């Protein structure tokens, strides 16, 4: 894996793409009844990426597990992700201000390899950068299949 890691290259890795697609499906997307799913993308000793899933969220909330020093079990975190499965008119698809602040203000997500948090929504995959800025990356269906 070449460094620095780029957000779209991370999403093109089969293990990451598969895990985000599964999280989207498992979050029960639709007008009602969805719940957030999420996880961490980490860099293994062999330079390959793997995904560690978080406990299931409730509705439009999810709890992020402890991640001291932008690492889990000694493996650097390169990205975090969560879904926005509720597609009704009362729900945001793009990252919320809470999402943006959560990434920007988390002092434990300031590692050299961390690119930000992916927000997987119905139409689009967004990236919340470490500074809290939001970028549209591409259509979810195009990136995840």
N, C-alpha and C. Protein backbone atom coordinates (compact mmCIF):
# COMPACT_ATOMS: atom_id res chain seq x y z
N UNK A 1 0.85 -1.17 0.00
CA UNK A 1 0.00 0.00 0.00
C UNK A 1 0.89 1.23 0.00
N UNK A 2 0.63 2.14 -0.90
CA UNK A 2 1.41 3.37 -0.99
C UNK A 2 0.91 4.38 0.03
N UNK A 3 1.83 5.15 0.56
CA UNK A 3 1.48 6.22 1.50
C UNK A 3 1.75 7.54 0.82
N UNK A 4 1.04 8.61 1.04
CA UNK A 4 -0.11 8.61 1.95
C UNK A 4 -1.32 7.96 1.30
N UNK A 5 -2.17 7.42 2.13
CA UNK A 5 -3.40 6.81 1.65
C UNK A 5 -4.36 7.90 1.21
N UNK A 6 -5.04 7.65 0.10
CA UNK A 6 -6.02 8.61 -0.41
C UNK A 6 -7.41 8.04 -0.19
N UNK A 7 -8.37 8.92 0.15
CA UNK A 7 -9.72 8.45 0.49
C UNK A 7 -10.36 7.54 -0.56
N UNK A 8 -10.28 7.87 -1.83
CA UNK A 8 -10.90 7.02 -2.84
C UNK A 8 -10.17 5.70 -3.01
N UNK A 9 -8.85 5.72 -2.86
CA UNK A 9 -8.08 4.47 -2.95
C UNK A 9 -8.47 3.51 -1.83
N UNK A 10 -8.70 4.05 -0.63
CA UNK A 10 -9.13 3.22 0.50
C UNK A 10 -10.46 2.55 0.16
N UNK A 11 -11.39 3.31 -0.40
CA UNK A 11 -12.71 2.76 -0.75
C UNK A 11 -12.63 1.72 -1.87
N UNK A 12 -11.58 1.74 -2.66
CA UNK A 12 -11.44 0.78 -3.76
C UNK A 12 -10.85 -0.55 -3.30
N UNK A 13 -10.35 -0.60 -2.07
CA UNK A 13 -9.82 -1.86 -1.54
C UNK A 13 -10.99 -2.82 -1.33
N UNK A 14 -10.90 -4.06 -1.85
CA UNK A 14 -12.03 -4.99 -1.75
C UNK A 14 -12.56 -5.21 -0.34
N UNK A 15 -11.69 -5.34 0.66
CA UNK A 15 -12.15 -5.59 2.02
C UNK A 15 -12.94 -4.40 2.56
N UNK A 16 -12.51 -3.20 2.23
CA UNK A 16 -13.19 -2.00 2.70
C UNK A 16 -14.51 -1.82 1.96
N UNK A 17 -14.48 -1.95 0.67
CA UNK A 17 -15.70 -1.81 -0.14
C UNK A 17 -16.76 -2.81 0.31
N UNK A 18 -16.35 -4.04 0.53
CA UNK A 18 -17.28 -5.08 0.97
C UNK A 18 -17.87 -4.76 2.34
N UNK A 19 -17.03 -4.31 3.27
CA UNK A 19 -17.49 -4.00 4.63
C UNK A 19 -18.45 -2.82 4.63
N UNK A 20 -18.18 -1.78 3.85
CA UNK A 20 -19.09 -0.64 3.80
C UNK A 20 -20.41 -1.00 3.12
N UNK A 21 -20.35 -1.83 2.09
CA UNK A 21 -21.58 -2.28 1.44
C UNK A 21 -22.42 -3.11 2.41
N UNK A 22 -21.77 -3.98 3.19
CA UNK A 22 -22.49 -4.79 4.18
C UNK A 22 -23.09 -3.91 5.26
N UNK A 23 -22.34 -2.93 5.74
CA UNK A 23 -22.86 -2.01 6.77
C UNK A 23 -24.08 -1.27 6.25
N UNK A 24 -24.04 -0.85 4.99
CA UNK A 24 -25.19 -0.16 4.40
C UNK A 24 -26.42 -1.07 4.40
N UNK A 25 -26.26 -2.28 3.92
CA UNK A 25 -27.40 -3.20 3.86
C UNK A 25 -27.91 -3.57 5.25
N UNK A 26 -26.99 -3.79 6.19
CA UNK A 26 -27.37 -4.17 7.55
C UNK A 26 -28.02 -3.03 8.33
N UNK A 27 -27.86 -1.79 7.85
CA UNK A 27 -28.45 -0.65 8.53
C UNK A 27 -29.93 -0.47 8.20
N UNK A 28 -30.46 -1.35 7.33
CA UNK A 28 -31.88 -1.34 6.98
C UNK A 28 -32.31 0.00 6.40
N UNK A 29 -31.67 0.45 5.30
CA UNK A 29 -31.98 1.76 4.75
C UNK A 29 -33.42 1.85 4.24
N UNK A 30 -33.99 3.02 4.42
CA UNK A 30 -35.34 3.27 3.93
C UNK A 30 -35.97 4.44 4.66
N UNK A 31 -37.27 4.62 4.43
CA UNK A 31 -37.98 5.75 5.01
C UNK A 31 -38.11 5.66 6.52
N UNK A 32 -38.25 4.44 7.05
CA UNK A 32 -38.35 4.27 8.50
C UNK A 32 -37.61 2.99 8.90
N UNK A 33 -37.25 2.92 10.16
CA UNK A 33 -36.70 1.68 10.70
C UNK A 33 -35.22 1.45 10.54
N UNK A 34 -34.50 2.39 9.95
CA UNK A 34 -33.06 2.21 9.81
C UNK A 34 -32.32 2.49 11.10
N UNK A 35 -31.10 2.01 11.18
CA UNK A 35 -30.22 2.28 12.32
C UNK A 35 -28.80 2.41 11.78
N UNK A 36 -27.99 3.22 12.44
CA UNK A 36 -26.63 3.44 11.97
C UNK A 36 -25.76 2.22 12.25
N UNK A 37 -24.88 1.97 11.30
CA UNK A 37 -23.83 0.96 11.41
C UNK A 37 -22.52 1.69 11.14
N UNK A 38 -21.43 1.21 11.68
CA UNK A 38 -20.16 1.88 11.45
C UNK A 38 -18.98 1.02 11.78
N UNK A 39 -17.80 1.62 11.66
CA UNK A 39 -16.59 0.89 11.94
C UNK A 39 -15.33 1.70 11.70
N UNK A 40 -14.22 1.01 11.83
CA UNK A 40 -12.90 1.57 11.65
C UNK A 40 -12.19 0.84 10.52
N UNK A 41 -11.45 1.58 9.72
CA UNK A 41 -10.56 0.98 8.74
C UNK A 41 -9.16 1.13 9.30
N UNK A 42 -8.47 0.00 9.47
CA UNK A 42 -7.15 0.02 10.09
C UNK A 42 -6.10 -0.55 9.13
N UNK A 43 -4.86 -0.15 9.38
CA UNK A 43 -3.73 -0.62 8.58
C UNK A 43 -3.02 -1.72 9.36
N UNK A 44 -2.97 -2.90 8.79
CA UNK A 44 -2.32 -4.05 9.43
C UNK A 44 -0.81 -3.99 9.25
N UNK A 45 -0.11 -4.83 9.99
CA UNK A 45 1.35 -4.89 9.90
C UNK A 45 1.83 -5.21 8.49
N UNK A 46 1.02 -5.98 7.75
CA UNK A 46 1.40 -6.35 6.38
C UNK A 46 1.02 -5.28 5.35
N UNK A 47 0.63 -4.08 5.83
CA UNK A 47 0.26 -2.95 4.99
C UNK A 47 -1.10 -3.12 4.30
N UNK A 48 -1.85 -4.15 4.65
CA UNK A 48 -3.19 -4.33 4.08
C UNK A 48 -4.21 -3.69 5.02
N UNK A 49 -5.32 -3.30 4.43
CA UNK A 49 -6.39 -2.68 5.21
C UNK A 49 -7.39 -3.73 5.68
N UNK A 50 -7.92 -3.53 6.86
CA UNK A 50 -9.02 -4.37 7.33
C UNK A 50 -10.01 -3.48 8.06
N UNK A 51 -11.19 -4.03 8.32
CA UNK A 51 -12.27 -3.26 8.91
C UNK A 51 -12.70 -3.91 10.22
N UNK A 52 -12.85 -3.08 11.24
CA UNK A 52 -13.38 -3.50 12.54
C UNK A 52 -14.71 -2.80 12.73
N UNK A 53 -15.78 -3.58 12.83
CA UNK A 53 -17.11 -2.98 12.96
C UNK A 53 -17.39 -2.55 14.39
N UNK A 54 -18.22 -1.51 14.52
CA UNK A 54 -18.67 -1.02 15.82
C UNK A 54 -19.94 -1.74 16.22
N UNK A 55 -20.31 -1.64 17.49
CA UNK A 55 -21.63 -2.15 17.90
C UNK A 55 -22.73 -1.42 17.13
N UNK A 56 -23.84 -2.09 16.90
CA UNK A 56 -24.96 -1.53 16.14
C UNK A 56 -25.48 -0.27 16.83
N UNK A 57 -25.80 0.73 16.02
CA UNK A 57 -26.37 1.97 16.53
C UNK A 57 -27.87 1.88 16.69
N UNK A 58 -28.46 2.98 17.13
CA UNK A 58 -29.91 3.07 17.29
C UNK A 58 -30.39 4.27 16.50
N UNK A 59 -31.31 4.04 15.56
CA UNK A 59 -31.85 5.15 14.78
C UNK A 59 -30.75 5.96 14.12
N UNK A 60 -30.66 7.23 14.50
CA UNK A 60 -29.66 8.10 13.88
C UNK A 60 -28.47 8.37 14.83
N UNK A 61 -28.17 7.39 15.69
CA UNK A 61 -27.04 7.52 16.62
C UNK A 61 -26.22 6.24 16.63
N UNK A 62 -24.92 6.43 16.87
CA UNK A 62 -24.03 5.29 17.04
C UNK A 62 -22.91 5.70 17.99
N UNK A 63 -22.47 4.76 18.81
CA UNK A 63 -21.40 5.03 19.78
C UNK A 63 -20.07 4.54 19.20
N UNK A 64 -19.11 5.43 19.20
CA UNK A 64 -17.77 5.11 18.69
C UNK A 64 -16.95 4.50 19.83
N UNK A 65 -16.39 3.30 19.61
CA UNK A 65 -15.56 2.67 20.65
C UNK A 65 -14.26 3.46 20.90
N UNK A 66 -13.61 3.15 21.99
CA UNK A 66 -12.35 3.79 22.36
C UNK A 66 -11.30 3.55 21.26
N UNK A 67 -10.51 4.58 21.00
CA UNK A 67 -9.50 4.51 19.94
C UNK A 67 -8.32 5.43 20.27
N UNK A 68 -7.66 5.16 21.39
CA UNK A 68 -6.56 6.01 21.87
C UNK A 68 -5.42 6.08 20.85
N UNK A 69 -4.92 7.29 20.65
CA UNK A 69 -3.76 7.49 19.79
C UNK A 69 -4.01 7.16 18.34
N UNK A 70 -5.26 7.25 17.91
CA UNK A 70 -5.64 6.96 16.52
C UNK A 70 -5.22 5.54 16.11
N UNK A 71 -5.40 4.61 17.08
CA UNK A 71 -5.05 3.21 16.82
C UNK A 71 -5.97 2.30 17.63
N UNK A 72 -6.10 1.08 17.16
CA UNK A 72 -6.84 0.03 17.87
C UNK A 72 -5.99 -1.23 17.82
N UNK A 73 -5.72 -1.78 19.00
CA UNK A 73 -4.88 -2.98 19.08
C UNK A 73 -3.55 -2.80 18.36
N UNK A 74 -2.97 -1.60 18.46
CA UNK A 74 -1.69 -1.31 17.84
C UNK A 74 -1.74 -1.05 16.35
N UNK A 75 -2.92 -1.11 15.76
CA UNK A 75 -3.05 -0.87 14.32
C UNK A 75 -3.55 0.56 14.07
N UNK A 76 -2.85 1.33 13.24
CA UNK A 76 -3.28 2.70 12.98
C UNK A 76 -4.64 2.75 12.28
N UNK A 77 -5.46 3.71 12.70
CA UNK A 77 -6.75 3.94 12.05
C UNK A 77 -6.52 4.84 10.85
N UNK A 78 -6.99 4.40 9.68
CA UNK A 78 -6.87 5.24 8.48
C UNK A 78 -8.20 5.94 8.18
N UNK A 79 -9.31 5.40 8.65
CA UNK A 79 -10.61 6.03 8.43
C UNK A 79 -11.62 5.44 9.40
N UNK A 80 -12.68 6.18 9.62
CA UNK A 80 -13.86 5.67 10.32
C UNK A 80 -15.01 5.78 9.34
N UNK A 81 -16.11 5.12 9.64
CA UNK A 81 -17.28 5.25 8.77
C UNK A 81 -18.55 4.98 9.55
N UNK A 82 -19.64 5.54 9.06
CA UNK A 82 -20.96 5.19 9.57
C UNK A 82 -21.99 5.47 8.48
N UNK A 83 -23.14 4.86 8.63
CA UNK A 83 -24.20 4.99 7.65
C UNK A 83 -25.23 6.02 8.08
N UNK A 84 -25.92 6.57 7.10
CA UNK A 84 -27.10 7.42 7.30
C UNK A 84 -28.25 6.75 6.55
N UNK A 85 -28.83 5.71 7.15
CA UNK A 85 -29.79 4.88 6.43
C UNK A 85 -31.22 5.43 6.37
N UNK A 86 -31.54 6.40 7.22
CA UNK A 86 -32.90 6.92 7.26
C UNK A 86 -33.08 7.95 6.15
N UNK A 87 -33.87 7.59 5.15
CA UNK A 87 -33.97 8.41 3.94
C UNK A 87 -35.20 9.31 3.92
N UNK A 88 -36.00 9.31 4.97
CA UNK A 88 -37.19 10.14 5.03
C UNK A 88 -36.85 11.62 5.06
N UNK A 89 -37.87 12.48 4.83
CA UNK A 89 -37.63 13.92 4.74
C UNK A 89 -37.13 14.56 6.04
N UNK A 90 -37.28 13.89 7.16
CA UNK A 90 -36.83 14.45 8.43
C UNK A 90 -35.37 14.14 8.74
N UNK A 91 -34.67 13.43 7.84
CA UNK A 91 -33.30 13.00 8.10
C UNK A 91 -32.33 13.58 7.08
N UNK A 92 -31.16 13.99 7.56
CA UNK A 92 -30.08 14.44 6.69
C UNK A 92 -29.39 13.25 6.07
N UNK A 93 -29.07 13.35 4.81
CA UNK A 93 -28.22 12.34 4.19
C UNK A 93 -26.76 12.75 4.29
N UNK A 94 -26.49 14.03 4.13
CA UNK A 94 -25.12 14.51 4.23
C UNK A 94 -24.69 14.53 5.70
N UNK A 95 -23.39 14.60 5.96
CA UNK A 95 -22.92 14.63 7.35
C UNK A 95 -23.51 15.84 8.10
N UNK A 96 -23.91 15.60 9.33
CA UNK A 96 -24.48 16.65 10.16
C UNK A 96 -23.36 17.47 10.80
N UNK A 97 -23.75 18.56 11.43
CA UNK A 97 -22.78 19.35 12.18
C UNK A 97 -22.19 18.51 13.32
N UNK A 98 -22.99 17.64 13.92
CA UNK A 98 -22.48 16.74 14.96
C UNK A 98 -21.43 15.79 14.39
N UNK A 99 -21.67 15.26 13.18
CA UNK A 99 -20.68 14.40 12.52
C UNK A 99 -19.38 15.17 12.31
N UNK A 100 -19.51 16.38 11.80
CA UNK A 100 -18.33 17.20 11.50
C UNK A 100 -17.53 17.52 12.76
N UNK A 101 -18.24 17.95 13.81
CA UNK A 101 -17.55 18.27 15.07
C UNK A 101 -16.94 17.01 15.69
N UNK A 102 -17.65 15.89 15.57
CA UNK A 102 -17.15 14.65 16.15
C UNK A 102 -15.79 14.26 15.61
N UNK A 103 -15.60 14.45 14.32
CA UNK A 103 -14.30 14.14 13.70
C UNK A 103 -13.29 15.24 14.02
N UNK A 104 -13.69 16.47 13.80
CA UNK A 104 -12.78 17.60 14.00
C UNK A 104 -12.27 17.69 15.44
N UNK A 105 -13.14 17.46 16.41
CA UNK A 105 -12.79 17.70 17.80
C UNK A 105 -12.27 16.46 18.53
N UNK A 106 -12.18 15.34 17.85
CA UNK A 106 -11.69 14.11 18.49
C UNK A 106 -10.16 14.09 18.44
N UNK A 107 -9.55 14.43 19.56
CA UNK A 107 -8.08 14.49 19.61
C UNK A 107 -7.43 13.13 19.39
N UNK A 108 -8.20 12.05 19.55
CA UNK A 108 -7.66 10.71 19.35
C UNK A 108 -7.70 10.28 17.87
N UNK A 109 -8.24 11.13 17.00
CA UNK A 109 -8.25 10.83 15.56
C UNK A 109 -7.34 11.80 14.80
N UNK A 110 -6.15 11.96 15.28
CA UNK A 110 -5.21 12.88 14.64
C UNK A 110 -3.93 12.18 14.21
N UNK A 111 -4.04 10.90 13.85
CA UNK A 111 -2.87 10.15 13.41
C UNK A 111 -2.42 10.52 12.01
N UNK A 112 -1.19 10.19 11.70
CA UNK A 112 -0.59 10.53 10.41
C UNK A 112 -1.30 9.86 9.24
N UNK A 113 -1.90 8.68 9.47
CA UNK A 113 -2.55 7.96 8.37
C UNK A 113 -4.04 8.23 8.27
N UNK A 114 -4.63 8.98 9.21
CA UNK A 114 -6.08 9.17 9.25
C UNK A 114 -6.54 10.16 8.18
N UNK A 115 -7.45 9.70 7.29
CA UNK A 115 -7.96 10.56 6.22
C UNK A 115 -9.31 11.16 6.55
N UNK A 116 -10.05 10.59 7.51
CA UNK A 116 -11.35 11.14 7.87
C UNK A 116 -12.39 10.06 8.05
N UNK A 117 -13.66 10.51 8.09
CA UNK A 117 -14.79 9.60 8.29
C UNK A 117 -15.68 9.58 7.07
N UNK A 118 -15.94 8.37 6.56
CA UNK A 118 -16.88 8.19 5.47
C UNK A 118 -18.29 8.15 6.05
N UNK A 119 -19.20 8.87 5.41
CA UNK A 119 -20.61 8.78 5.74
C UNK A 119 -21.30 8.19 4.52
N UNK A 120 -21.84 6.98 4.70
CA UNK A 120 -22.46 6.25 3.61
C UNK A 120 -23.96 6.56 3.64
N UNK A 121 -24.43 7.22 2.59
CA UNK A 121 -25.83 7.62 2.52
C UNK A 121 -26.47 7.01 1.27
N UNK A 122 -27.74 7.25 1.11
CA UNK A 122 -28.51 6.64 0.04
C UNK A 122 -27.92 6.93 -1.34
N UNK A 123 -27.65 8.18 -1.63
CA UNK A 123 -27.15 8.54 -2.96
C UNK A 123 -25.63 8.69 -3.02
N UNK A 124 -25.02 9.12 -1.94
CA UNK A 124 -23.64 9.60 -1.98
C UNK A 124 -22.83 9.03 -0.83
N UNK A 125 -21.51 8.95 -1.04
CA UNK A 125 -20.58 8.72 0.06
C UNK A 125 -19.83 10.02 0.26
N UNK A 126 -19.86 10.50 1.49
CA UNK A 126 -19.20 11.74 1.87
C UNK A 126 -17.96 11.42 2.67
N UNK A 127 -17.04 12.37 2.73
CA UNK A 127 -15.88 12.27 3.60
C UNK A 127 -15.87 13.49 4.50
N UNK A 128 -15.82 13.26 5.82
CA UNK A 128 -15.57 14.33 6.78
C UNK A 128 -14.08 14.30 7.05
N UNK A 129 -13.38 15.34 6.65
CA UNK A 129 -11.93 15.39 6.81
C UNK A 129 -11.56 15.64 8.27
N UNK A 130 -10.31 15.41 8.65
CA UNK A 130 -9.91 15.65 10.04
C UNK A 130 -10.19 17.09 10.51
N UNK A 131 -10.26 18.04 9.58
CA UNK A 131 -10.55 19.43 9.95
C UNK A 131 -12.05 19.69 10.09
N UNK A 132 -12.89 18.70 9.74
CA UNK A 132 -14.33 18.86 9.82
C UNK A 132 -14.99 19.29 8.52
N UNK A 133 -14.21 19.51 7.48
CA UNK A 133 -14.77 19.86 6.18
C UNK A 133 -15.44 18.62 5.58
N UNK A 134 -16.42 18.83 4.71
CA UNK A 134 -17.13 17.72 4.07
C UNK A 134 -16.87 17.75 2.57
N UNK A 135 -16.57 16.57 2.04
CA UNK A 135 -16.39 16.40 0.59
C UNK A 135 -17.33 15.32 0.10
N UNK A 136 -17.95 15.53 -1.05
CA UNK A 136 -18.69 14.46 -1.72
C UNK A 136 -17.67 13.65 -2.50
N UNK A 137 -17.64 12.33 -2.28
CA UNK A 137 -16.65 11.50 -2.97
C UNK A 137 -17.20 10.95 -4.28
N UNK A 138 -18.34 10.28 -4.22
CA UNK A 138 -18.96 9.72 -5.42
C UNK A 138 -20.28 9.08 -5.01
N UNK A 139 -21.02 8.67 -6.00
CA UNK A 139 -22.30 7.99 -5.72
C UNK A 139 -22.04 6.66 -5.02
N UNK A 140 -22.87 6.37 -4.02
CA UNK A 140 -22.71 5.12 -3.25
C UNK A 140 -22.75 3.92 -4.18
N UNK A 141 -23.73 3.88 -5.08
CA UNK A 141 -23.88 2.73 -5.97
C UNK A 141 -22.65 2.53 -6.85
N UNK A 142 -22.01 3.62 -7.25
CA UNK A 142 -20.82 3.52 -8.10
C UNK A 142 -19.60 3.03 -7.30
N UNK A 143 -19.48 3.46 -6.06
CA UNK A 143 -18.32 3.06 -5.26
C UNK A 143 -18.47 1.69 -4.62
N UNK A 144 -19.70 1.36 -4.19
CA UNK A 144 -19.88 0.11 -3.46
C UNK A 144 -20.57 -0.97 -4.27
N UNK A 145 -21.09 -0.62 -5.41
CA UNK A 145 -21.76 -1.60 -6.25
C UNK A 145 -23.20 -1.81 -5.91
